[in-house]
Amino acid sequence: MDWIKGIQRAIDYIESHLADAIDYDAVAKEAYSSSLHFQRVFSIMCGFTLGDYIRMRRLSLAADELRGSDDKVIDVALRYGYETPESFTRAFSRFHGITPTEARNGGTVKTFSKLSVKLILTGGNEMNYRIEKPGAIKVICKRECVHKPETGAGTPDITGFWTKCGQDGTIQKLCSYIPKRPRLTGLLGICFSLETQGDSFPYGIGVEYNSAPAESGLEIIELPEYTYAVFPFKGKMPETFIETYRKIVSEFFPGGERYEYAEGVEIEVYPSDKTDDPDYYGEIWIAVNEK
């Protein structure tokens, strides 16, 4: 129940600060979560991003104020985070289909209601996972700041980063650093969730490190000693990855009695580059705490 209460607390926090600058880290803390994890869970569960929810709620309330008060358009725009009447009018028109002036004169507007978390019967599905305690792990990687994933399956930033690293020879270089007996077999996509800033975070493409001298542009990072819940996925990519991640955040953590999400890292393990294989196999490693 703590998880459900946490989500509702986060929504209540958003609602009480819709006329303020909203700190996503503060929202996530209300749900006892890191910013990265909360935003991924929120978008998977709701079907839209946290930013979209805040924007649509603000525009819905703005329409109510225009129709029910004598406040100037500029005052309403500023109240809900728009710096100019022009930017407010563009956003308002995209959402409602009419201008703020037309809304004030009685035009038809949309409403977007507040989310409410309810406990419903879900689950009853099998889900394979195992617990790994590999100790501290040294990785060598190339990192880039990317925007937060909206579906658990990556973003154009992440996809573009993988493409760039494949084309410029980075991935080939990284493969030369894989030790003979790695604990994480294959290429790694690493989400450094503790270093989230605003709507972005560092994402690394790397491998477990064999201690050879590192080439310029690559970082050697020691991941602390975490306990990981490891979730295998098998099937067509990226659909199987998306579905596995959806089950992790909607079934494993909410329904789990022993483990909870820990702020740390999430690691995608890709043993092969043949992602067009209809039976592709990989793993998702997520740092957890024992309750």
C-alpha atoms as a PDB file:
ATOM      1  CA  MET A   1       0.000   0.000   0.000  1.00  0.00           C
ATOM      2  CA  ASP A   2       2.935   2.378   0.535  1.00  0.00           C
ATOM      3  CA  TRP A   3       3.560   2.463  -3.215  1.00  0.00           C
ATOM      4  CA  ILE A   4      -0.068   3.332  -3.993  1.00  0.00           C
ATOM      5  CA  LYS A   5      -0.139   5.984  -1.280  1.00  0.00           C
ATOM      6  CA  GLY A   6       3.117   7.397  -2.609  1.00  0.00           C
ATOM      7  CA  ILE A   7       1.746   7.825  -6.135  1.00  0.00           C
ATOM      8  CA  GLN A   8      -1.342   9.572  -4.758  1.00  0.00           C
ATOM      9  CA  ARG A   9       0.841  11.819  -2.591  1.00  0.00           C
ATOM     10  CA  ALA A  10       2.830  12.801  -5.690  1.00  0.00           C
ATOM     11  CA  ILE A  11      -0.348  13.645  -7.615  1.00  0.00           C
ATOM     12  CA  ASP A  12      -1.679  15.672  -4.683  1.00  0.00           C
ATOM     13  CA  TYR A  13       1.620  17.551  -4.538  1.00  0.00           C
ATOM     14  CA  ILE A  14       1.382  18.378  -8.260  1.00  0.00           C
ATOM     15  CA  GLU A  15      -2.201  19.589  -7.884  1.00  0.00           C
ATOM     16  CA  SER A  16      -1.301  21.922  -5.026  1.00  0.00           C
ATOM     17  CA  HIS A  17       1.568  23.433  -7.037  1.00  0.00           C
ATOM     18  CA  LEU A  18       0.044  23.799 -10.512  1.00  0.00           C
ATOM     19  CA  ALA A  19       0.432  27.569 -10.296  1.00  0.00           C
ATOM     20  CA  ASP A  20       4.082  27.222  -9.231  1.00  0.00           C
ATOM     21  CA  ALA A  21       7.284  25.992 -10.856  1.00  0.00           C
ATOM     22  CA  ILE A  22       7.116  22.254 -10.179  1.00  0.00           C
ATOM     23  CA  ASP A  23      10.305  20.459  -9.136  1.00  0.00           C
ATOM     24  CA  TYR A  24      10.173  16.906 -10.519  1.00  0.00           C
ATOM     25  CA  ASP A  25      12.580  15.713  -7.826  1.00  0.00           C
ATOM     26  CA  ALA A  26      10.197  16.981  -5.143  1.00  0.00           C
ATOM     27  CA  VAL A  27       7.296  15.202  -6.862  1.00  0.00           C
ATOM     28  CA  ALA A  28       9.243  11.926  -6.923  1.00  0.00           C
ATOM     29  CA  LYS A  29      10.124  12.225  -3.231  1.00  0.00           C
ATOM     30  CA  GLU A  30       6.417  12.256  -2.422  1.00  0.00           C
ATOM     31  CA  ALA A  31       6.267   8.799  -4.034  1.00  0.00           C
ATOM     32  CA  TYR A  32       9.406   7.591  -2.195  1.00  0.00           C
ATOM     33  CA  SER A  33      11.170   7.299  -5.544  1.00  0.00           C
ATOM     34  CA  SER A  34      13.934   8.757  -7.661  1.00  0.00           C
ATOM     35  CA  SER A  35      12.925  11.272 -10.324  1.00  0.00           C
ATOM     36  CA  LEU A  36      13.936   8.993 -13.201  1.00  0.00           C
ATOM     37  CA  HIS A  37      12.102   5.940 -11.866  1.00  0.00           C
ATOM     38  CA  PHE A  38       8.957   7.893 -10.979  1.00  0.00           C
ATOM     39  CA  GLN A  39       8.691   9.502 -14.402  1.00  0.00           C
ATOM     40  CA  ARG A  40       9.161   6.167 -16.182  1.00  0.00           C
ATOM     41  CA  VAL A  41       6.544   4.499 -13.969  1.00  0.00           C
ATOM     42  CA  PHE A  42       4.146   7.414 -14.370  1.00  0.00           C
ATOM     43  CA  SER A  43       4.301   7.447 -18.174  1.00  0.00           C
ATOM     44  CA  ILE A  44       3.962   3.664 -18.471  1.00  0.00           C
ATOM     45  CA  MET A  45       1.011   3.514 -16.072  1.00  0.00           C
ATOM     46  CA  CYS A  46      -0.807   6.594 -17.405  1.00  0.00           C
ATOM     47  CA  GLY A  47       0.020   6.569 -21.122  1.00  0.00           C
ATOM     48  CA  PHE A  48       1.329  10.138 -21.058  1.00  0.00           C
ATOM     49  CA  THR A  49       4.341  11.804 -19.489  1.00  0.00           C
ATOM     50  CA  LEU A  50       4.457  13.673 -16.204  1.00  0.00           C
ATOM     51  CA  GLY A  51       5.154  16.858 -18.152  1.00  0.00           C
ATOM     52  CA  ASP A  52       2.094  16.241 -20.351  1.00  0.00           C
ATOM     53  CA  TYR A  53      -0.085  15.700 -17.277  1.00  0.00           C
ATOM     54  CA  ILE A  54       1.041  18.971 -15.718  1.00  0.00           C
ATOM     55  CA  ARG A  55       0.577  20.853 -19.012  1.00  0.00           C
ATOM     56  CA  MET A  56      -2.921  19.477 -19.663  1.00  0.00           C
ATOM     57  CA  ARG A  57      -4.064  20.106 -16.081  1.00  0.00           C
ATOM     58  CA  ARG A  58      -2.817  23.694 -16.249  1.00  0.00           C
ATOM     59  CA  LEU A  59      -4.535  24.353 -19.571  1.00  0.00           C
ATOM     60  CA  SER A  60      -7.760  22.811 -18.265  1.00  0.00           C
ATOM     61  CA  LEU A  61      -7.712  25.045 -15.186  1.00  0.00           C
ATOM     62  CA  ALA A  62      -6.742  28.055 -17.294  1.00  0.00           C
ATOM     63  CA  ALA A  63      -9.870  27.575 -19.419  1.00  0.00           C
ATOM     64  CA  ASP A  64     -12.022  27.448 -16.275  1.00  0.00           C
ATOM     65  CA  GLU A  65     -10.513  30.714 -15.057  1.00  0.00           C
ATOM     66  CA  LEU A  66     -10.987  32.471 -18.384  1.00  0.00           C
ATOM     67  CA  ARG A  67     -14.652  31.468 -18.446  1.00  0.00           C
ATOM     68  CA  GLY A  68     -15.311  32.176 -14.767  1.00  0.00           C
ATOM     69  CA  SER A  69     -13.320  35.321 -13.977  1.00  0.00           C
ATOM     70  CA  ASP A  70     -12.393  38.734 -15.346  1.00  0.00           C
ATOM     71  CA  ASP A  71      -8.642  38.098 -15.115  1.00  0.00           C
ATOM     72  CA  LYS A  72      -6.631  39.255 -18.096  1.00  0.00           C
ATOM     73  CA  VAL A  73      -5.268  36.604 -20.466  1.00  0.00           C
ATOM     74  CA  ILE A  74      -1.697  37.624 -19.620  1.00  0.00           C
ATOM     75  CA  ASP A  75      -2.381  37.152 -15.878  1.00  0.00           C
ATOM     76  CA  VAL A  76      -3.762  33.647 -16.460  1.00  0.00           C
ATOM     77  CA  ALA A  77      -0.856  32.827 -18.760  1.00  0.00           C
ATOM     78  CA  LEU A  78       1.728  33.900 -16.174  1.00  0.00           C
ATOM     79  CA  ARG A  79      -0.082  32.045 -13.404  1.00  0.00           C
ATOM     80  CA  TYR A  80       0.315  28.759 -15.270  1.00  0.00           C
ATOM     81  CA  GLY A  81       3.917  29.151 -16.349  1.00  0.00           C
ATOM     82  CA  TYR A  82       3.698  30.878 -19.754  1.00  0.00           C
ATOM     83  CA  GLU A  83       5.969  33.878 -20.149  1.00  0.00           C
ATOM     84  CA  THR A  84       4.060  35.570 -22.993  1.00  0.00           C
ATOM     85  CA  PRO A  85       0.444  35.725 -24.209  1.00  0.00           C
ATOM     86  CA  GLU A  86       1.649  34.345 -27.552  1.00  0.00           C
ATOM     87  CA  SER A  87       3.156  31.143 -26.089  1.00  0.00           C
ATOM     88  CA  PHE A  88       0.055  30.669 -23.935  1.00  0.00           C
ATOM     89  CA  THR A  89      -2.272  31.161 -26.914  1.00  0.00           C
ATOM     90  CA  ARG A  90      -0.359  28.589 -28.989  1.00  0.00           C
ATOM     91  CA  ALA A  91      -0.453  25.968 -26.231  1.00  0.00           C
ATOM     92  CA  PHE A  92      -4.078  26.760 -25.368  1.00  0.00           C
ATOM     93  CA  SER A  93      -5.183  26.524 -29.010  1.00  0.00           C
ATOM     94  CA  ARG A  94      -3.397  23.188 -29.556  1.00  0.00           C
ATOM     95  CA  PHE A  95      -5.103  21.694 -26.523  1.00  0.00           C
ATOM     96  CA  HIS A  96      -8.578  23.219 -26.691  1.00  0.00           C
ATOM     97  CA  GLY A  97      -8.900  23.895 -30.425  1.00  0.00           C
ATOM     98  CA  ILE A  98      -9.875  27.528 -29.812  1.00  0.00           C
ATOM     99  CA  THR A  99      -8.051  30.660 -28.595  1.00  0.00           C
ATOM    100  CA  PRO A 100      -8.225  31.983 -25.023  1.00  0.00           C
ATOM    101  CA  THR A 101     -10.378  34.887 -26.239  1.00  0.00           C
ATOM    102  CA  GLU A 102     -12.835  32.498 -27.892  1.00  0.00           C
ATOM    103  CA  ALA A 103     -12.963  30.452 -24.682  1.00  0.00           C
ATOM    104  CA  ARG A 104     -13.746  33.602 -22.673  1.00  0.00           C
ATOM    105  CA  ASN A 105     -16.587  34.359 -25.101  1.00  0.00           C
ATOM    106  CA  GLY A 106     -18.249  31.005 -24.493  1.00  0.00           C
ATOM    107  CA  GLY A 107     -16.468  28.695 -26.914  1.00  0.00           C
ATOM    108  CA  THR A 108     -16.332  24.969 -26.214  1.00  0.00           C
ATOM    109  CA  VAL A 109     -13.241  23.874 -24.275  1.00  0.00           C
ATOM    110  CA  LYS A 110     -11.834  20.555 -23.071  1.00  0.00           C
ATOM    111  CA  THR A 111     -11.490  19.426 -19.491  1.00  0.00           C
ATOM    112  CA  PHE A 112      -8.699  17.217 -18.182  1.00  0.00           C
ATOM    113  CA  SER A 113      -9.501  15.839 -14.757  1.00  0.00           C
ATOM    114  CA  LYS A 114      -7.174  15.169 -11.843  1.00  0.00           C
ATOM    115  CA  LEU A 115      -5.779  11.662 -11.603  1.00  0.00           C
ATOM    116  CA  SER A 116      -6.895   9.516  -8.699  1.00  0.00           C
ATOM    117  CA  VAL A 117      -5.137   6.298  -7.745  1.00  0.00           C
ATOM    118  CA  LYS A 118      -7.425   3.395  -6.915  1.00  0.00           C
ATOM    119  CA  LEU A 119      -6.609  -0.111  -5.785  1.00  0.00           C
ATOM    120  CA  ILE A 120      -7.911  -2.637  -8.330  1.00  0.00           C
ATOM    121  CA  LEU A 121      -7.337  -6.334  -8.773  1.00  0.00           C
ATOM    122  CA  THR A 122      -4.536  -6.888 -11.271  1.00  0.00           C
ATOM    123  CA  GLY A 123      -1.707  -9.343 -11.728  1.00  0.00           C
ATOM    124  CA  GLY A 124      -2.144 -13.072 -11.416  1.00  0.00           C
ATOM    125  CA  ASN A 125       0.581 -13.358 -14.047  1.00  0.00           C
ATOM    126  CA  GLU A 126       3.843 -15.239 -13.906  1.00  0.00           C
ATOM    127  CA  MET A 127       7.034 -13.201 -14.082  1.00  0.00           C
ATOM    128  CA  ASN A 128      10.535 -14.615 -14.075  1.00  0.00           C
ATOM    129  CA  TYR A 129      13.255 -12.862 -12.112  1.00  0.00           C
ATOM    130  CA  ARG A 130      16.295 -13.657 -10.046  1.00  0.00           C
ATOM    131  CA  ILE A 131      18.310 -11.799  -7.437  1.00  0.00           C
ATOM    132  CA  GLU A 132      21.990 -11.097  -8.082  1.00  0.00           C
ATOM    133  CA  LYS A 133      24.573  -9.705  -5.658  1.00  0.00           C
ATOM    134  CA  PRO A 134      27.670  -9.315  -7.844  1.00  0.00           C
ATOM    135  CA  GLY A 135      29.465  -6.840  -5.590  1.00  0.00           C
ATOM    136  CA  ALA A 136      31.023  -3.674  -6.986  1.00  0.00           C
ATOM    137  CA  ILE A 137      31.370  -3.776 -10.775  1.00  0.00           C
ATOM    138  CA  LYS A 138      33.805  -1.751 -12.861  1.00  0.00           C
ATOM    139  CA  VAL A 139      32.508  -0.711 -16.260  1.00  0.00           C
ATOM    140  CA  ILE A 140      34.059   1.254 -19.077  1.00  0.00           C
ATOM    141  CA  CYS A 141      31.628   3.347 -21.036  1.00  0.00           C
ATOM    142  CA  LYS A 142      30.861   6.432 -23.028  1.00  0.00           C
ATOM    143  CA  ARG A 143      28.232   8.656 -21.438  1.00  0.00           C
ATOM    144  CA  GLU A 144      25.869  11.240 -22.821  1.00  0.00           C
ATOM    145  CA  CYS A 145      23.137  13.321 -21.196  1.00  0.00           C
ATOM    146  CA  VAL A 146      19.734  12.226 -22.550  1.00  0.00           C
ATOM    147  CA  HIS A 147      16.103  13.029 -21.880  1.00  0.00           C
ATOM    148  CA  LYS A 148      14.088  10.710 -19.704  1.00  0.00           C
ATOM    149  CA  PRO A 149      12.446   7.684 -21.355  1.00  0.00           C
ATOM    150  CA  GLU A 150       8.685   7.985 -21.706  1.00  0.00           C
ATOM    151  CA  THR A 151       7.821   4.322 -22.215  1.00  0.00           C
ATOM    152  CA  GLY A 152      10.678   2.414 -20.652  1.00  0.00           C
ATOM    153  CA  ALA A 153      11.969   1.636 -24.135  1.00  0.00           C
ATOM    154  CA  GLY A 154      14.321   4.538 -24.613  1.00  0.00           C
ATOM    155  CA  THR A 155      14.060   7.910 -26.313  1.00  0.00           C
ATOM    156  CA  PRO A 156      15.223   9.355 -29.631  1.00  0.00           C
ATOM    157  CA  ASP A 157      18.239  10.604 -27.655  1.00  0.00           C
ATOM    158  CA  ILE A 158      19.161   7.091 -26.523  1.00  0.00           C
ATOM    159  CA  THR A 159      18.438   5.503 -29.889  1.00  0.00           C
ATOM    160  CA  GLY A 160      20.538   8.152 -31.614  1.00  0.00           C
ATOM    161  CA  PHE A 161      23.353   7.656 -29.102  1.00  0.00           C
ATOM    162  CA  TRP A 162      23.488   3.909 -29.833  1.00  0.00           C
ATOM    163  CA  THR A 163      23.479   4.620 -33.581  1.00  0.00           C
ATOM    164  CA  LYS A 164      26.292   7.168 -33.253  1.00  0.00           C
ATOM    165  CA  CYS A 165      28.422   4.843 -31.118  1.00  0.00           C
ATOM    166  CA  GLY A 166      27.937   2.064 -33.648  1.00  0.00           C
ATOM    167  CA  GLN A 167      28.915   4.273 -36.579  1.00  0.00           C
ATOM    168  CA  ASP A 168      31.963   5.953 -35.030  1.00  0.00           C
ATOM    169  CA  GLY A 169      33.557   2.717 -33.807  1.00  0.00           C
ATOM    170  CA  THR A 170      32.904   3.277 -30.090  1.00  0.00           C
ATOM    171  CA  ILE A 171      31.009   0.017 -29.651  1.00  0.00           C
ATOM    172  CA  GLN A 172      33.741  -1.942 -31.394  1.00  0.00           C
ATOM    173  CA  LYS A 173      36.319  -0.360 -29.073  1.00  0.00           C
ATOM    174  CA  LEU A 174      34.241  -1.131 -26.010  1.00  0.00           C
ATOM    175  CA  CYS A 175      33.925  -4.799 -26.927  1.00  0.00           C
ATOM    176  CA  SER A 176      37.718  -5.129 -26.687  1.00  0.00           C
ATOM    177  CA  TYR A 177      37.488  -4.383 -22.954  1.00  0.00           C
ATOM    178  CA  ILE A 178      35.126  -7.249 -22.062  1.00  0.00           C
ATOM    179  CA  PRO A 179      36.870  -9.574 -19.562  1.00  0.00           C
ATOM    180  CA  LYS A 180      37.131 -13.316 -20.148  1.00  0.00           C
ATOM    181  CA  ARG A 181      34.518 -14.109 -17.517  1.00  0.00           C
ATOM    182  CA  PRO A 182      32.214 -11.097 -17.223  1.00  0.00           C
ATOM    183  CA  ARG A 183      29.383 -11.023 -14.729  1.00  0.00           C
ATOM    184  CA  LEU A 184      27.392  -8.901 -17.180  1.00  0.00           C
ATOM    185  CA  THR A 185      27.741 -10.626 -20.534  1.00  0.00           C
ATOM    186  CA  GLY A 186      27.433  -8.271 -23.473  1.00  0.00           C
ATOM    187  CA  LEU A 187      26.957  -4.583 -24.195  1.00  0.00           C
ATOM    188  CA  LEU A 188      25.384  -2.531 -21.439  1.00  0.00           C
ATOM    189  CA  GLY A 189      23.004   0.399 -21.465  1.00  0.00           C
ATOM    190  CA  ILE A 190      23.339   2.080 -18.062  1.00  0.00           C
ATOM    191  CA  CYS A 191      20.873   4.593 -16.610  1.00  0.00           C
ATOM    192  CA  PHE A 192      22.618   6.577 -13.869  1.00  0.00           C
ATOM    193  CA  SER A 193      19.425   7.526 -12.033  1.00  0.00           C
ATOM    194  CA  LEU A 194      21.177   9.119  -9.052  1.00  0.00           C
ATOM    195  CA  GLU A 195      22.556  11.818 -11.360  1.00  0.00           C
ATOM    196  CA  THR A 196      19.190  12.890 -12.774  1.00  0.00           C
ATOM    197  CA  GLN A 197      18.890  16.628 -13.363  1.00  0.00           C
ATOM    198  CA  GLY A 198      15.553  18.076 -14.372  1.00  0.00           C
ATOM    199  CA  ASP A 199      14.277  16.166 -17.391  1.00  0.00           C
ATOM    200  CA  SER A 200      17.596  14.515 -18.279  1.00  0.00           C
ATOM    201  CA  PHE A 201      20.124  12.049 -16.893  1.00  0.00           C
ATOM    202  CA  PRO A 202      23.454  10.471 -17.910  1.00  0.00           C
ATOM    203  CA  TYR A 203      23.113   7.323 -20.015  1.00  0.00           C
ATOM    204  CA  GLY A 204      26.133   5.142 -20.652  1.00  0.00           C
ATOM    205  CA  ILE A 205      26.919   2.584 -23.331  1.00  0.00           C
ATOM    206  CA  GLY A 206      29.618   0.278 -22.068  1.00  0.00           C
ATOM    207  CA  VAL A 207      30.871  -3.128 -20.979  1.00  0.00           C
ATOM    208  CA  GLU A 208      32.302  -4.691 -17.858  1.00  0.00           C
ATOM    209  CA  TYR A 209      35.930  -3.543 -17.610  1.00  0.00           C
ATOM    210  CA  ASN A 210      38.997  -5.804 -17.941  1.00  0.00           C
ATOM    211  CA  SER A 211      41.539  -3.249 -16.588  1.00  0.00           C
ATOM    212  CA  ALA A 212      43.290  -2.540 -19.947  1.00  0.00           C
ATOM    213  CA  PRO A 213      44.360   1.111 -20.487  1.00  0.00           C
ATOM    214  CA  ALA A 214      41.337   3.181 -21.431  1.00  0.00           C
ATOM    215  CA  GLU A 215      41.254   5.101 -24.692  1.00  0.00           C
ATOM    216  CA  SER A 216      40.422   8.788 -24.786  1.00  0.00           C
ATOM    217  CA  GLY A 217      36.704   9.580 -24.527  1.00  0.00           C
ATOM    218  CA  LEU A 218      35.856   6.520 -22.421  1.00  0.00           C
ATOM    219  CA  GLU A 219      35.148   6.584 -18.685  1.00  0.00           C
ATOM    220  CA  ILE A 220      35.948   3.921 -16.105  1.00  0.00           C
ATOM    221  CA  ILE A 221      33.219   3.861 -13.464  1.00  0.00           C
ATOM    222  CA  GLU A 222      32.863   1.590 -10.453  1.00  0.00           C
ATOM    223  CA  LEU A 223      29.221   0.758  -9.774  1.00  0.00           C
ATOM    224  CA  PRO A 224      28.713   0.337  -6.019  1.00  0.00           C
ATOM    225  CA  GLU A 225      27.722  -2.943  -4.416  1.00  0.00           C
ATOM    226  CA  TYR A 226      24.010  -3.220  -5.214  1.00  0.00           C
ATOM    227  CA  THR A 227      21.482  -5.993  -4.925  1.00  0.00           C
ATOM    228  CA  TYR A 228      19.827  -6.404  -8.341  1.00  0.00           C
ATOM    229  CA  ALA A 229      16.514  -7.862  -9.414  1.00  0.00           C
ATOM    230  CA  VAL A 230      17.223  -9.312 -12.857  1.00  0.00           C
ATOM    231  CA  PHE A 231      14.409  -9.670 -15.398  1.00  0.00           C
ATOM    232  CA  PRO A 232      15.041 -11.634 -18.602  1.00  0.00           C
ATOM    233  CA  PHE A 233      13.188 -10.736 -21.784  1.00  0.00           C
ATOM    234  CA  LYS A 234      12.880 -12.740 -24.966  1.00  0.00           C
ATOM    235  CA  GLY A 235      11.145 -11.933 -28.240  1.00  0.00           C
ATOM    236  CA  LYS A 236      10.871  -9.236 -30.865  1.00  0.00           C
ATOM    237  CA  MET A 237      12.618  -5.971 -30.013  1.00  0.00           C
ATOM    238  CA  PRO A 238      11.728  -3.408 -28.809  1.00  0.00           C
ATOM    239  CA  GLU A 239       8.266  -4.767 -28.015  1.00  0.00           C
ATOM    240  CA  THR A 240       9.508  -7.458 -25.629  1.00  0.00           C
ATOM    241  CA  PHE A 241      11.643  -4.906 -23.748  1.00  0.00           C
ATOM    242  CA  ILE A 242       8.688  -2.503 -23.426  1.00  0.00           C
ATOM    243  CA  GLU A 243       6.343  -5.209 -22.169  1.00  0.00           C
ATOM    244  CA  THR A 244       8.866  -6.543 -19.664  1.00  0.00           C
ATOM    245  CA  TYR A 245       9.542  -3.070 -18.283  1.00  0.00           C
ATOM    246  CA  ARG A 246       5.806  -2.385 -18.076  1.00  0.00           C
ATOM    247  CA  LYS A 247       5.331  -5.517 -15.968  1.00  0.00           C
ATOM    248  CA  ILE A 248       8.253  -4.581 -13.726  1.00  0.00           C
ATOM    249  CA  VAL A 249       6.777  -1.211 -12.800  1.00  0.00           C
ATOM    250  CA  SER A 250       3.096  -2.186 -12.812  1.00  0.00           C
ATOM    251  CA  GLU A 251       3.257  -5.653 -11.236  1.00  0.00           C
ATOM    252  CA  PHE A 252       6.610  -6.531  -9.659  1.00  0.00           C
ATOM    253  CA  PHE A 253       7.221  -3.426  -7.529  1.00  0.00           C
ATOM    254  CA  PRO A 254       3.591  -2.591  -6.596  1.00  0.00           C
ATOM    255  CA  GLY A 255       2.789  -6.220  -5.764  1.00  0.00           C
ATOM    256  CA  GLY A 256       6.124  -7.294  -4.332  1.00  0.00           C
ATOM    257  CA  GLU A 257       6.337  -8.083  -0.644  1.00  0.00           C
ATOM    258  CA  ARG A 258      10.106  -8.411  -0.346  1.00  0.00           C
ATOM    259  CA  TYR A 259      11.881  -5.971  -2.671  1.00  0.00           C
ATOM    260  CA  GLU A 260      11.480  -2.301  -3.474  1.00  0.00           C
ATOM    261  CA  TYR A 261      13.123   0.005  -5.996  1.00  0.00           C
ATOM    262  CA  ALA A 262      16.445   1.484  -4.858  1.00  0.00           C
ATOM    263  CA  GLU A 263      18.005   4.684  -6.148  1.00  0.00           C
ATOM    264  CA  GLY A 264      21.072   3.562  -8.024  1.00  0.00           C
ATOM    265  CA  VAL A 265      21.379   2.261 -11.550  1.00  0.00           C
ATOM    266  CA  GLU A 266      19.365   0.362 -14.094  1.00  0.00           C
ATOM    267  CA  ILE A 267      21.342  -1.784 -16.515  1.00  0.00           C
ATOM    268  CA  GLU A 268      20.172  -3.137 -19.858  1.00  0.00           C
ATOM    269  CA  VAL A 269      22.231  -6.184 -20.843  1.00  0.00           C
ATOM    270  CA  TYR A 270      22.425  -6.956 -24.560  1.00  0.00           C
ATOM    271  CA  PRO A 271      24.393 -10.208 -25.167  1.00  0.00           C
ATOM    272  CA  SER A 272      24.109  -9.832 -28.951  1.00  0.00           C
ATOM    273  CA  ASP A 273      23.794  -7.071 -31.543  1.00  0.00           C
ATOM    274  CA  LYS A 274      21.270  -9.134 -33.549  1.00  0.00           C
ATOM    275  CA  THR A 275      18.261  -7.181 -32.286  1.00  0.00           C
ATOM    276  CA  ASP A 276      16.279  -8.141 -35.398  1.00  0.00           C
ATOM    277  CA  ASP A 277      16.171 -11.754 -34.134  1.00  0.00           C
ATOM    278  CA  PRO A 278      12.481 -12.543 -33.322  1.00  0.00           C
ATOM    279  CA  ASP A 279      13.714 -14.531 -30.298  1.00  0.00           C
ATOM    280  CA  TYR A 280      16.181 -11.922 -29.068  1.00  0.00           C
ATOM    281  CA  TYR A 281      17.269 -12.441 -25.447  1.00  0.00           C
ATOM    282  CA  GLY A 282      18.418  -9.786 -22.985  1.00  0.00           C
ATOM    283  CA  GLU A 283      18.117  -8.785 -19.346  1.00  0.00           C
ATOM    284  CA  ILE A 284      17.135  -5.767 -17.254  1.00  0.00           C
ATOM    285  CA  TRP A 285      19.058  -5.343 -14.002  1.00  0.00           C
ATOM    286  CA  ILE A 286      17.449  -2.970 -11.461  1.00  0.00           C
ATOM    287  CA  ALA A 287      18.971  -2.052  -8.111  1.00  0.00           C
ATOM    288  CA  VAL A 288      16.623  -2.992  -5.256  1.00  0.00           C
ATOM    289  CA  ASN A 289      16.421  -2.885  -1.478  1.00  0.00           C
ATOM    290  CA  GLU A 290      15.032  -5.667   0.657  1.00  0.00           C
ATOM    291  CA  LYS A 291      12.013  -4.438   2.607  1.00  0.00           C
END
